[in-house]
Structures are given as C-alpha cells and as structure tokens.
Amino acid sequence: MTTTITESTIETAPLKIGSHVLRSRLIVGTGKYETYEIMQDALLASGCDAVTVAVRRERLVDAQGRSLLDFLDLGRYTVLPNTAGCFDAADAVRVARLGRDLLEQLDNPGADWVKLEVLGDRATLLPDPVGTLEACRELVADGFTVLCYSSDDPIMACKLRDAGAASVMPAGSPIGSGRGIANPEAIAIIRDMLKSPEHGGSPDYPMVVDAGVGTPSDITLGMELGADGVLLNTGIAHAQDPVRMAHAMRCACEAGYHGVRAGRIGRKLYATASSPWTGLIGSIPGE
C-alpha cells in the first residue's frame, strides 16, 4: 500500500499518556546544561512540548541567583516532574507530592503526572523494582498519572502496567551512559507484552524508551523497535553542540516514527538487482 502524501500524513501523530496529549514524541530533560540559555535553545530545537524537572536533585537556582523556571516557557512546555535521586518508595512518593504542589502553584498542567524513579544504587542508577512497584501503586491511588522508569525486564514492565502506570519507560541502557539500546530484543518483547491483550495489555498502551541515548541513531532504533516515544537528557545536554544535537534528535525521532510505519524491506542473503535483467538493449556479459 502506498500512502498519498498530504500535510497530515507526513506529520507525526500526537502521543497520548493518560490525560496528556503531546505533539512531540520526544521528551527532553532540563538538567546538566552549561547555562540556562543553552537549555532554552536546545529545548526549542528539539521540538518537544514536555520537559522533565528533577524536583529533588535539580539545581533550581544557578550561581547568578536565576531560577530554572524563569527560563521555561510554561505556556509552551508541560513540566513532567521526576523523582530522580530517590532510593526508596517513601522518598519518591514524598518528592512526587512536592512536585505536584509546586506545579499547582504555577498553574502548569503537569501537576497531575510524575516520572517515577526509585533507584537501586548509585553506581548503576538502575531501578529498584520492588520500591518502584510499591511507589507506583501508592501514587496511582493518590490520583497521579504515573510514568514508570524501569529496567528492560518484560515481566516487571507488565507488573508496573497492571499496577496502574500510565506508561512504562524501560531503560535503553544506564542513565547518562550514552550506550544506546543495549538489549533491543528485550525492548521489543516489552513492547509486545505491554500492548498484547493476551498479556493484559492494549495496542495503544504507550511505551517510552528512557535513558542511555547517546546519538540520533539510538532514538531511531528505539522508535523502530516500536517505542511510542523517547525521553533523554544527557545525550543533548552534554553534547559538544547541544542545540544542534537537539535538532538531530528531533529529526531522528520523526524518522524512526515514519520508518517503522512505512514497512521495511526484508533482509536477504544475496543481492536483488534494482533494474530488470530482461528487456535490456544488447546482451548481458556472460550470457
């Protein structure tokens, strides 16, 4: 089937997570930038409309006494508070509620959702599955739309979904590592299980790849594996040119989105000629 190109068919469809509808399938962090001005420009270049802010760990005021929030256009961006730096369920729940209180005061629509992180240790920054599941259940009961950072374990992903997580966000690789998608097969299995009715899922359940992205090709691969979106921070913020990298990540996300829906050709061991052998003028050498 060939798609007739119109303005609507070449646009990326919005991403729905709970009650939130995002125009961009790229969610970008606000930490680790050299200056707030660079962060501003990078966010704009990324095309994102949701940004993460670490409520507990983020430096909200810089050396000049300027607030991070003064450099975020709260009319343009929905803030996604996250519980980065929390190592137990109780701490994560407390920080999530602090984030909600802050955004309610700012009248930002991100007050009702949270990116949940409950970390297992400081060396790997991998999630504590027991603590994450416990905090997820408590926050869902408290009315939060919970996006859960998880490992690439398909069984744990399904448990978080069944606990009420609005989106499960498996790590491509450890936070800030830049290693890309270390286990593509696991991400594909998580996608299948989260979305399969046989495993209690739904085809429209959103899976977002989170953490470890280093290059635009990492994002494209994530989208080609069936992710509905990608969240990243360090891959942009610590690039030599964060603004140009943000633009590249935006293009990569759109390329992966359309590429997987276009239907790639099958892999073959031998070549297949692009032009026919028959009907050519003259003879083919060797025949």
C-alpha atoms as a PDB file:
ATOM      1  CA  MET A   1       0.000   0.000   0.000  1.00  0.00           C
ATOM      2  CA  THR A   2       1.317   3.452  -0.923  1.00  0.00           C
ATOM      3  CA  THR A   3       0.427   6.462   1.163  1.00  0.00           C
ATOM      4  CA  THR A   4      -0.802   9.563  -0.589  1.00  0.00           C
ATOM      5  CA  ILE A   5       1.331  12.345   0.799  1.00  0.00           C
ATOM      6  CA  THR A   6      -0.615  15.156   2.391  1.00  0.00           C
ATOM      7  CA  GLU A   7       0.293  17.515   5.199  1.00  0.00           C
ATOM      8  CA  SER A   8      -1.427  15.240   7.711  1.00  0.00           C
ATOM      9  CA  THR A   9       0.294  12.025   6.613  1.00  0.00           C
ATOM     10  CA  ILE A  10       3.810  13.428   6.944  1.00  0.00           C
ATOM     11  CA  GLU A  11       3.155  14.807  10.413  1.00  0.00           C
ATOM     12  CA  THR A  12       3.927  12.758  13.493  1.00  0.00           C
ATOM     13  CA  ALA A  13       0.717  11.819  15.289  1.00  0.00           C
ATOM     14  CA  PRO A  14       0.385  13.110  18.876  1.00  0.00           C
ATOM     15  CA  LEU A  15       1.367  10.886  21.805  1.00  0.00           C
ATOM     16  CA  LYS A  16      -1.299  10.336  24.470  1.00  0.00           C
ATOM     17  CA  ILE A  17      -0.239   9.434  28.015  1.00  0.00           C
ATOM     18  CA  GLY A  18      -3.109   9.485  30.466  1.00  0.00           C
ATOM     19  CA  SER A  19      -4.883  12.809  30.013  1.00  0.00           C
ATOM     20  CA  HIS A  20      -1.837  14.418  28.387  1.00  0.00           C
ATOM     21  CA  VAL A  21      -1.570  14.745  24.613  1.00  0.00           C
ATOM     22  CA  LEU A  22       1.906  15.631  23.335  1.00  0.00           C
ATOM     23  CA  ARG A  23       2.592  16.959  19.852  1.00  0.00           C
ATOM     24  CA  SER A  24       6.176  15.707  20.015  1.00  0.00           C
ATOM     25  CA  ARG A  25       7.157  12.144  20.860  1.00  0.00           C
ATOM     26  CA  LEU A  26      10.437  13.416  22.281  1.00  0.00           C
ATOM     27  CA  ILE A  27      10.528  14.322  25.985  1.00  0.00           C
ATOM     28  CA  VAL A  28      13.649  16.244  26.999  1.00  0.00           C
ATOM     29  CA  GLY A  29      15.289  16.882  30.357  1.00  0.00           C
ATOM     30  CA  THR A  30      16.308  20.257  31.767  1.00  0.00           C
ATOM     31  CA  GLY A  31      19.383  19.230  33.775  1.00  0.00           C
ATOM     32  CA  LYS A  32      23.131  19.201  33.089  1.00  0.00           C
ATOM     33  CA  TYR A  33      23.245  22.140  30.640  1.00  0.00           C
ATOM     34  CA  GLU A  34      26.155  24.553  30.928  1.00  0.00           C
ATOM     35  CA  THR A  35      23.789  27.530  31.053  1.00  0.00           C
ATOM     36  CA  TYR A  36      20.053  28.111  31.158  1.00  0.00           C
ATOM     37  CA  GLU A  37      20.310  29.950  27.845  1.00  0.00           C
ATOM     38  CA  ILE A  38      21.736  26.842  26.145  1.00  0.00           C
ATOM     39  CA  MET A  39      18.971  24.775  27.725  1.00  0.00           C
ATOM     40  CA  GLN A  40      16.372  27.181  26.356  1.00  0.00           C
ATOM     41  CA  ASP A  41      17.737  26.980  22.824  1.00  0.00           C
ATOM     42  CA  ALA A  42      18.147  23.204  22.944  1.00  0.00           C
ATOM     43  CA  LEU A  43      14.590  22.639  24.130  1.00  0.00           C
ATOM     44  CA  LEU A  44      13.318  24.823  21.313  1.00  0.00           C
ATOM     45  CA  ALA A  45      15.440  22.984  18.742  1.00  0.00           C
ATOM     46  CA  SER A  46      14.190  19.602  19.985  1.00  0.00           C
ATOM     47  CA  GLY A  47      10.591  20.478  19.189  1.00  0.00           C
ATOM     48  CA  CYS A  48       9.449  18.948  22.484  1.00  0.00           C
ATOM     49  CA  ASP A  49       6.426  20.147  24.395  1.00  0.00           C
ATOM     50  CA  ALA A  50       7.064  18.196  27.622  1.00  0.00           C
ATOM     51  CA  VAL A  51      10.207  18.643  29.736  1.00  0.00           C
ATOM     52  CA  THR A  52      11.355  16.802  32.840  1.00  0.00           C
ATOM     53  CA  VAL A  53      12.465  18.559  36.015  1.00  0.00           C
ATOM     54  CA  ALA A  54      14.068  16.667  38.894  1.00  0.00           C
ATOM     55  CA  VAL A  55      12.197  18.005  41.910  1.00  0.00           C
ATOM     56  CA  ARG A  56      14.701  16.791  44.500  1.00  0.00           C
ATOM     57  CA  ARG A  57      18.048  16.909  42.769  1.00  0.00           C
ATOM     58  CA  GLU A  58      17.687  19.675  40.191  1.00  0.00           C
ATOM     59  CA  ARG A  59      19.525  22.927  40.822  1.00  0.00           C
ATOM     60  CA  LEU A  60      16.604  25.327  40.533  1.00  0.00           C
ATOM     61  CA  VAL A  61      18.781  28.416  41.069  1.00  0.00           C
ATOM     62  CA  ASP A  62      22.142  28.998  39.364  1.00  0.00           C
ATOM     63  CA  ALA A  63      25.234  30.854  40.587  1.00  0.00           C
ATOM     64  CA  GLN A  64      23.716  34.162  39.460  1.00  0.00           C
ATOM     65  CA  GLY A  65      20.583  33.536  41.507  1.00  0.00           C
ATOM     66  CA  ARG A  66      18.449  32.838  38.444  1.00  0.00           C
ATOM     67  CA  SER A  67      15.671  30.250  38.613  1.00  0.00           C
ATOM     68  CA  LEU A  68      15.394  27.392  36.118  1.00  0.00           C
ATOM     69  CA  LEU A  69      11.656  28.017  35.961  1.00  0.00           C
ATOM     70  CA  ASP A  70      12.275  31.568  34.689  1.00  0.00           C
ATOM     71  CA  PHE A  71      13.825  30.015  31.571  1.00  0.00           C
ATOM     72  CA  LEU A  72      10.936  27.658  30.858  1.00  0.00           C
ATOM     73  CA  ASP A  73       8.013  28.974  28.871  1.00  0.00           C
ATOM     74  CA  LEU A  74       5.266  27.385  30.949  1.00  0.00           C
ATOM     75  CA  GLY A  75       2.764  28.264  28.269  1.00  0.00           C
ATOM     76  CA  ARG A  76       4.730  26.191  25.766  1.00  0.00           C
ATOM     77  CA  TYR A  77       6.022  23.300  27.869  1.00  0.00           C
ATOM     78  CA  THR A  78       4.231  20.879  30.144  1.00  0.00           C
ATOM     79  CA  VAL A  79       6.576  20.127  33.032  1.00  0.00           C
ATOM     80  CA  LEU A  80       6.961  16.451  33.913  1.00  0.00           C
ATOM     81  CA  PRO A  81       8.298  16.317  37.498  1.00  0.00           C
ATOM     82  CA  ASN A  82      10.519  13.349  38.231  1.00  0.00           C
ATOM     83  CA  THR A  83      11.740  11.695  41.396  1.00  0.00           C
ATOM     84  CA  ALA A  84      15.379  11.350  40.334  1.00  0.00           C
ATOM     85  CA  GLY A  85      17.696  10.799  43.284  1.00  0.00           C
ATOM     86  CA  CYS A  86      15.182   8.826  45.354  1.00  0.00           C
ATOM     87  CA  PHE A  87      16.278   5.427  46.668  1.00  0.00           C
ATOM     88  CA  ASP A  88      13.150   4.202  48.432  1.00  0.00           C
ATOM     89  CA  ALA A  89       9.418   4.268  47.790  1.00  0.00           C
ATOM     90  CA  ALA A  90       8.539   6.618  50.647  1.00  0.00           C
ATOM     91  CA  ASP A  91      11.033   9.245  49.478  1.00  0.00           C
ATOM     92  CA  ALA A  92       9.800   9.005  45.875  1.00  0.00           C
ATOM     93  CA  VAL A  93       6.171   9.454  46.939  1.00  0.00           C
ATOM     94  CA  ARG A  94       7.095  12.478  49.060  1.00  0.00           C
ATOM     95  CA  VAL A  95       9.044  14.105  46.214  1.00  0.00           C
ATOM     96  CA  ALA A  96       6.217  13.427  43.737  1.00  0.00           C
ATOM     97  CA  ARG A  97       3.794  15.246  46.020  1.00  0.00           C
ATOM     98  CA  LEU A  98       6.200  18.167  46.367  1.00  0.00           C
ATOM     99  CA  GLY A  99       6.354  18.407  42.578  1.00  0.00           C
ATOM    100  CA  ARG A 100       2.586  18.397  42.344  1.00  0.00           C
ATOM    101  CA  ASP A 101       2.325  21.191  44.922  1.00  0.00           C
ATOM    102  CA  LEU A 102       4.898  23.294  43.046  1.00  0.00           C
ATOM    103  CA  LEU A 103       3.209  22.959  39.655  1.00  0.00           C
ATOM    104  CA  GLU A 104      -0.243  23.600  41.085  1.00  0.00           C
ATOM    105  CA  GLN A 105       1.079  26.954  42.313  1.00  0.00           C
ATOM    106  CA  LEU A 106       2.414  27.662  38.811  1.00  0.00           C
ATOM    107  CA  ASP A 107      -0.862  26.563  37.208  1.00  0.00           C
ATOM    108  CA  ASN A 108       1.036  24.161  34.917  1.00  0.00           C
ATOM    109  CA  PRO A 109      -0.872  21.162  33.502  1.00  0.00           C
ATOM    110  CA  GLY A 110       1.965  18.844  34.588  1.00  0.00           C
ATOM    111  CA  ALA A 111       0.790  18.907  38.207  1.00  0.00           C
ATOM    112  CA  ASP A 112      -1.121  15.632  37.895  1.00  0.00           C
ATOM    113  CA  TRP A 113       1.645  13.444  36.463  1.00  0.00           C
ATOM    114  CA  VAL A 114       5.083  12.251  37.525  1.00  0.00           C
ATOM    115  CA  LYS A 115       8.002  10.323  36.117  1.00  0.00           C
ATOM    116  CA  LEU A 116       8.679   7.810  38.869  1.00  0.00           C
ATOM    117  CA  GLU A 117      12.257   6.766  39.614  1.00  0.00           C
ATOM    118  CA  VAL A 118      13.175   4.619  42.606  1.00  0.00           C
ATOM    119  CA  LEU A 119      16.838   3.792  42.194  1.00  0.00           C
ATOM    120  CA  GLY A 120      18.602   0.687  43.460  1.00  0.00           C
ATOM    121  CA  ASP A 121      22.144   2.002  43.864  1.00  0.00           C
ATOM    122  CA  ARG A 122      24.343   4.954  42.994  1.00  0.00           C
ATOM    123  CA  ALA A 123      26.772   3.102  40.722  1.00  0.00           C
ATOM    124  CA  THR A 124      24.357   1.815  38.081  1.00  0.00           C
ATOM    125  CA  LEU A 125      21.322   4.049  38.747  1.00  0.00           C
ATOM    126  CA  LEU A 126      19.203   1.074  37.790  1.00  0.00           C
ATOM    127  CA  PRO A 127      15.711   0.973  39.257  1.00  0.00           C
ATOM    128  CA  ASP A 128      14.763  -0.871  42.423  1.00  0.00           C
ATOM    129  CA  PRO A 129      11.876  -2.989  41.093  1.00  0.00           C
ATOM    130  CA  VAL A 130      10.257  -3.618  44.480  1.00  0.00           C
ATOM    131  CA  GLY A 131      10.412   0.019  45.534  1.00  0.00           C
ATOM    132  CA  THR A 132       9.215   1.192  42.129  1.00  0.00           C
ATOM    133  CA  LEU A 133       6.195  -1.097  42.208  1.00  0.00           C
ATOM    134  CA  GLU A 134       5.322  -0.036  45.765  1.00  0.00           C
ATOM    135  CA  ALA A 135       5.586   3.679  44.956  1.00  0.00           C
ATOM    136  CA  CYS A 136       3.653   3.251  41.698  1.00  0.00           C
ATOM    137  CA  ARG A 137       0.685   1.707  43.496  1.00  0.00           C
ATOM    138  CA  GLU A 138       0.643   4.446  46.140  1.00  0.00           C
ATOM    139  CA  LEU A 139       0.902   7.305  43.640  1.00  0.00           C
ATOM    140  CA  VAL A 140      -1.798   5.852  41.381  1.00  0.00           C
ATOM    141  CA  ALA A 141      -4.081   5.580  44.415  1.00  0.00           C
ATOM    142  CA  ASP A 142      -3.272   9.232  45.151  1.00  0.00           C
ATOM    143  CA  GLY A 143      -4.510  10.296  41.713  1.00  0.00           C
ATOM    144  CA  PHE A 144      -1.201  10.659  39.861  1.00  0.00           C
ATOM    145  CA  THR A 145      -0.651   9.788  36.219  1.00  0.00           C
ATOM    146  CA  VAL A 146       2.499   7.710  36.731  1.00  0.00           C
ATOM    147  CA  LEU A 147       5.200   7.168  34.105  1.00  0.00           C
ATOM    148  CA  CYS A 148       7.493   4.443  35.463  1.00  0.00           C
ATOM    149  CA  TYR A 149      11.217   4.261  34.770  1.00  0.00           C
ATOM    150  CA  SER A 150      12.047   0.547  34.714  1.00  0.00           C
ATOM    151  CA  SER A 151      14.695  -1.936  33.683  1.00  0.00           C
ATOM    152  CA  ASP A 152      14.369  -3.890  30.444  1.00  0.00           C
ATOM    153  CA  ASP A 153      12.669  -6.799  32.242  1.00  0.00           C
ATOM    154  CA  PRO A 154       9.381  -7.620  30.423  1.00  0.00           C
ATOM    155  CA  ILE A 155       7.769  -9.231  33.483  1.00  0.00           C
ATOM    156  CA  MET A 156       8.439  -6.176  35.651  1.00  0.00           C
ATOM    157  CA  ALA A 157       7.140  -3.912  32.901  1.00  0.00           C
ATOM    158  CA  CYS A 158       3.824  -5.770  32.891  1.00  0.00           C
ATOM    159  CA  LYS A 159       3.579  -5.640  36.692  1.00  0.00           C
ATOM    160  CA  LEU A 160       4.003  -1.857  36.608  1.00  0.00           C
ATOM    161  CA  ARG A 161       1.379  -1.524  33.885  1.00  0.00           C
ATOM    162  CA  ASP A 162      -1.011  -3.693  35.889  1.00  0.00           C
ATOM    163  CA  ALA A 163      -0.331  -1.549  38.976  1.00  0.00           C
ATOM    164  CA  GLY A 164      -1.778   1.393  37.080  1.00  0.00           C
ATOM    165  CA  ALA A 165       1.229   3.037  35.429  1.00  0.00           C
ATOM    166  CA  ALA A 166       0.041   5.182  32.521  1.00  0.00           C
ATOM    167  CA  SER A 167       3.314   4.448  30.712  1.00  0.00           C
ATOM    168  CA  VAL A 168       6.218   2.090  31.323  1.00  0.00           C
ATOM    169  CA  MET A 169       9.608   3.564  30.391  1.00  0.00           C
ATOM    170  CA  PRO A 170      12.265   0.850  30.030  1.00  0.00           C
ATOM    171  CA  ALA A 171      15.885   1.972  30.062  1.00  0.00           C
ATOM    172  CA  GLY A 172      17.798   1.591  26.821  1.00  0.00           C
ATOM    173  CA  SER A 173      20.947   1.442  28.969  1.00  0.00           C
ATOM    174  CA  PRO A 174      22.038   3.026  32.281  1.00  0.00           C
ATOM    175  CA  ILE A 175      21.235   6.703  32.854  1.00  0.00           C
ATOM    176  CA  GLY A 176      23.774   9.028  31.260  1.00  0.00           C
ATOM    177  CA  SER A 177      25.853   6.167  29.826  1.00  0.00           C
ATOM    178  CA  GLY A 178      25.332   7.066  26.155  1.00  0.00           C
ATOM    179  CA  ARG A 179      25.424   3.356  25.278  1.00  0.00           C
ATOM    180  CA  GLY A 180      22.172   3.448  23.348  1.00  0.00           C
ATOM    181  CA  ILE A 181      19.802   0.481  23.296  1.00  0.00           C
ATOM    182  CA  ALA A 182      21.915  -2.255  24.852  1.00  0.00           C
ATOM    183  CA  ASN A 183      19.293  -5.016  24.527  1.00  0.00           C
ATOM    184  CA  PRO A 184      17.000  -4.350  21.549  1.00  0.00           C
ATOM    185  CA  GLU A 185      15.336  -7.759  21.833  1.00  0.00           C
ATOM    186  CA  ALA A 186      14.219  -7.036  25.399  1.00  0.00           C
ATOM    187  CA  ILE A 187      12.722  -3.690  24.364  1.00  0.00           C
ATOM    188  CA  ALA A 188      10.824  -5.413  21.539  1.00  0.00           C
ATOM    189  CA  ILE A 189       9.499  -8.078  23.931  1.00  0.00           C
ATOM    190  CA  ILE A 190       8.389  -5.402  26.413  1.00  0.00           C
ATOM    191  CA  ARG A 191       6.577  -3.602  23.609  1.00  0.00           C
ATOM    192  CA  ASP A 192       4.783  -6.791  22.582  1.00  0.00           C
ATOM    193  CA  MET A 193       3.777  -7.745  26.115  1.00  0.00           C
ATOM    194  CA  LEU A 194       2.631  -4.278  27.162  1.00  0.00           C
ATOM    195  CA  LYS A 195       0.449  -3.983  24.082  1.00  0.00           C
ATOM    196  CA  SER A 196      -0.782  -7.568  23.791  1.00  0.00           C
ATOM    197  CA  PRO A 197      -4.323  -8.354  25.036  1.00  0.00           C
ATOM    198  CA  GLU A 198      -3.054 -11.891  25.739  1.00  0.00           C
ATOM    199  CA  HIS A 199      -0.749 -10.385  28.373  1.00  0.00           C
ATOM    200  CA  GLY A 200      -3.299  -7.954  29.757  1.00  0.00           C
ATOM    201  CA  GLY A 201      -2.244  -5.069  27.524  1.00  0.00           C
ATOM    202  CA  SER A 202      -3.732  -2.846  24.882  1.00  0.00           C
ATOM    203  CA  PRO A 203      -2.356  -1.894  21.440  1.00  0.00           C
ATOM    204  CA  ASP A 204      -2.492   1.803  22.325  1.00  0.00           C
ATOM    205  CA  TYR A 205      -0.635   1.454  25.647  1.00  0.00           C
ATOM    206  CA  PRO A 206       2.312   3.921  25.473  1.00  0.00           C
ATOM    207  CA  MET A 207       5.867   2.641  25.945  1.00  0.00           C
ATOM    208  CA  VAL A 208       8.606   5.274  26.115  1.00  0.00           C
ATOM    209  CA  VAL A 209      12.299   4.379  25.960  1.00  0.00           C
ATOM    210  CA  ASP A 210      14.141   6.253  28.699  1.00  0.00           C
ATOM    211  CA  ALA A 211      17.856   6.635  29.455  1.00  0.00           C
ATOM    212  CA  GLY A 212      21.139   5.815  27.761  1.00  0.00           C
ATOM    213  CA  VAL A 213      20.556   7.642  24.466  1.00  0.00           C
ATOM    214  CA  GLY A 214      23.820   8.968  23.022  1.00  0.00           C
ATOM    215  CA  THR A 215      23.214   9.577  19.331  1.00  0.00           C
ATOM    216  CA  PRO A 216      20.291  10.227  16.978  1.00  0.00           C
ATOM    217  CA  SER A 217      20.543   6.661  15.684  1.00  0.00           C
ATOM    218  CA  ASP A 218      19.740   5.409  19.202  1.00  0.00           C
ATOM    219  CA  ILE A 219      16.440   7.264  19.062  1.00  0.00           C
ATOM    220  CA  THR A 220      15.655   5.984  15.590  1.00  0.00           C
ATOM    221  CA  LEU A 221      16.310   2.417  16.713  1.00  0.00           C
ATOM    222  CA  GLY A 222      14.066   2.854  19.733  1.00  0.00           C
ATOM    223  CA  MET A 223      11.224   4.091  17.566  1.00  0.00           C
ATOM    224  CA  GLU A 224      11.818   1.316  15.012  1.00  0.00           C
ATOM    225  CA  LEU A 225      11.549  -1.207  17.845  1.00  0.00           C
ATOM    226  CA  GLY A 226       8.030   0.075  18.443  1.00  0.00           C
ATOM    227  CA  ALA A 227       8.532   2.660  21.199  1.00  0.00           C
ATOM    228  CA  ASP A 228       5.874   5.354  21.241  1.00  0.00           C
ATOM    229  CA  GLY A 229       8.362   7.974  22.353  1.00  0.00           C
ATOM    230  CA  VAL A 230      11.835   8.588  23.763  1.00  0.00           C
ATOM    231  CA  LEU A 231      12.967  10.533  26.824  1.00  0.00           C
ATOM    232  CA  LEU A 232      16.533  11.810  27.112  1.00  0.00           C
ATOM    233  CA  ASN A 233      18.665  14.469  28.774  1.00  0.00           C
ATOM    234  CA  THR A 234      22.409  13.834  28.870  1.00  0.00           C
ATOM    235  CA  GLY A 235      22.715  12.965  25.162  1.00  0.00           C
ATOM    236  CA  ILE A 236      21.697  16.536  24.352  1.00  0.00           C
ATOM    237  CA  ALA A 237      22.939  18.489  27.374  1.00  0.00           C
ATOM    238  CA  HIS A 238      26.486  17.076  27.278  1.00  0.00           C
ATOM    239  CA  ALA A 239      26.923  17.122  23.505  1.00  0.00           C
ATOM    240  CA  GLN A 240      29.605  19.486  22.200  1.00  0.00           C
ATOM    241  CA  ASP A 241      26.823  21.432  20.469  1.00  0.00           C
ATOM    242  CA  PRO A 242      23.633  20.766  22.460  1.00  0.00           C
ATOM    243  CA  VAL A 243      21.385  22.863  20.221  1.00  0.00           C
ATOM    244  CA  ARG A 244      22.439  21.102  17.014  1.00  0.00           C
ATOM    245  CA  MET A 245      22.199  17.731  18.768  1.00  0.00           C
ATOM    246  CA  ALA A 246      18.685  18.553  19.958  1.00  0.00           C
ATOM    247  CA  HIS A 247      17.668  19.253  16.371  1.00  0.00           C
ATOM    248  CA  ALA A 248      19.260  15.976  15.247  1.00  0.00           C
ATOM    249  CA  MET A 249      17.398  14.038  17.959  1.00  0.00           C
ATOM    250  CA  ARG A 250      14.139  15.616  16.797  1.00  0.00           C
ATOM    251  CA  CYS A 251      14.764  14.521  13.202  1.00  0.00           C
ATOM    252  CA  ALA A 252      15.765  11.021  14.353  1.00  0.00           C
ATOM    253  CA  CYS A 253      12.561  10.588  16.341  1.00  0.00           C
ATOM    254  CA  GLU A 254      10.450  11.570  13.354  1.00  0.00           C
ATOM    255  CA  ALA A 255      12.482   9.338  11.027  1.00  0.00           C
ATOM    256  CA  GLY A 256      12.024   6.316  13.282  1.00  0.00           C
ATOM    257  CA  TYR A 257       8.313   7.015  13.702  1.00  0.00           C
ATOM    258  CA  HIS A 258       7.657   7.135   9.955  1.00  0.00           C
ATOM    259  CA  GLY A 259      10.206   4.440   9.094  1.00  0.00           C
ATOM    260  CA  VAL A 260       8.598   1.731  11.207  1.00  0.00           C
ATOM    261  CA  ARG A 261       5.168   2.586   9.820  1.00  0.00           C
ATOM    262  CA  ALA A 262       6.422   2.506   6.228  1.00  0.00           C
ATOM    263  CA  GLY A 263       7.351  -1.183   6.493  1.00  0.00           C
ATOM    264  CA  ARG A 264      10.972  -2.014   5.772  1.00  0.00           C
ATOM    265  CA  ILE A 265      12.085  -4.470   3.100  1.00  0.00           C
ATOM    266  CA  GLY A 266      13.030  -7.966   4.188  1.00  0.00           C
ATOM    267  CA  ARG A 267      16.652  -8.890   4.745  1.00  0.00           C
ATOM    268  CA  LYS A 268      18.197 -11.205   2.147  1.00  0.00           C
ATOM    269  CA  LEU A 269      21.474 -13.051   1.984  1.00  0.00           C
ATOM    270  CA  TYR A 270      22.059 -12.237  -1.697  1.00  0.00           C
ATOM    271  CA  ALA A 271      21.632  -9.111  -3.784  1.00  0.00           C
ATOM    272  CA  THR A 272      18.499  -8.229  -5.721  1.00  0.00           C
ATOM    273  CA  ALA A 273      19.027  -6.097  -8.813  1.00  0.00           C
ATOM    274  CA  SER A 274      17.230  -2.766  -8.838  1.00  0.00           C
ATOM    275  CA  SER A 275      16.806  -2.948 -12.624  1.00  0.00           C
ATOM    276  CA  PRO A 276      15.399  -5.956 -14.547  1.00  0.00           C
ATOM    277  CA  TRP A 277      17.724  -8.333 -16.386  1.00  0.00           C
ATOM    278  CA  THR A 278      15.264  -8.810 -19.248  1.00  0.00           C
ATOM    279  CA  GLY A 279      14.235  -6.307 -21.893  1.00  0.00           C
ATOM    280  CA  LEU A 280      17.604  -4.558 -21.943  1.00  0.00           C
ATOM    281  CA  ILE A 281      19.267  -3.376 -25.169  1.00  0.00           C
ATOM    282  CA  GLY A 282      22.241  -5.563 -26.019  1.00  0.00           C
ATOM    283  CA  SER A 283      23.433  -8.696 -24.313  1.00  0.00           C
ATOM    284  CA  ILE A 284      24.457  -9.211 -20.731  1.00  0.00           C
ATOM    285  CA  PRO A 285      28.125 -10.273 -20.402  1.00  0.00           C
ATOM    286  CA  GLY A 286      28.462 -13.981 -19.744  1.00  0.00           C
ATOM    287  CA  GLU A 287      25.143 -14.937 -21.315  1.00  0.00           C
END
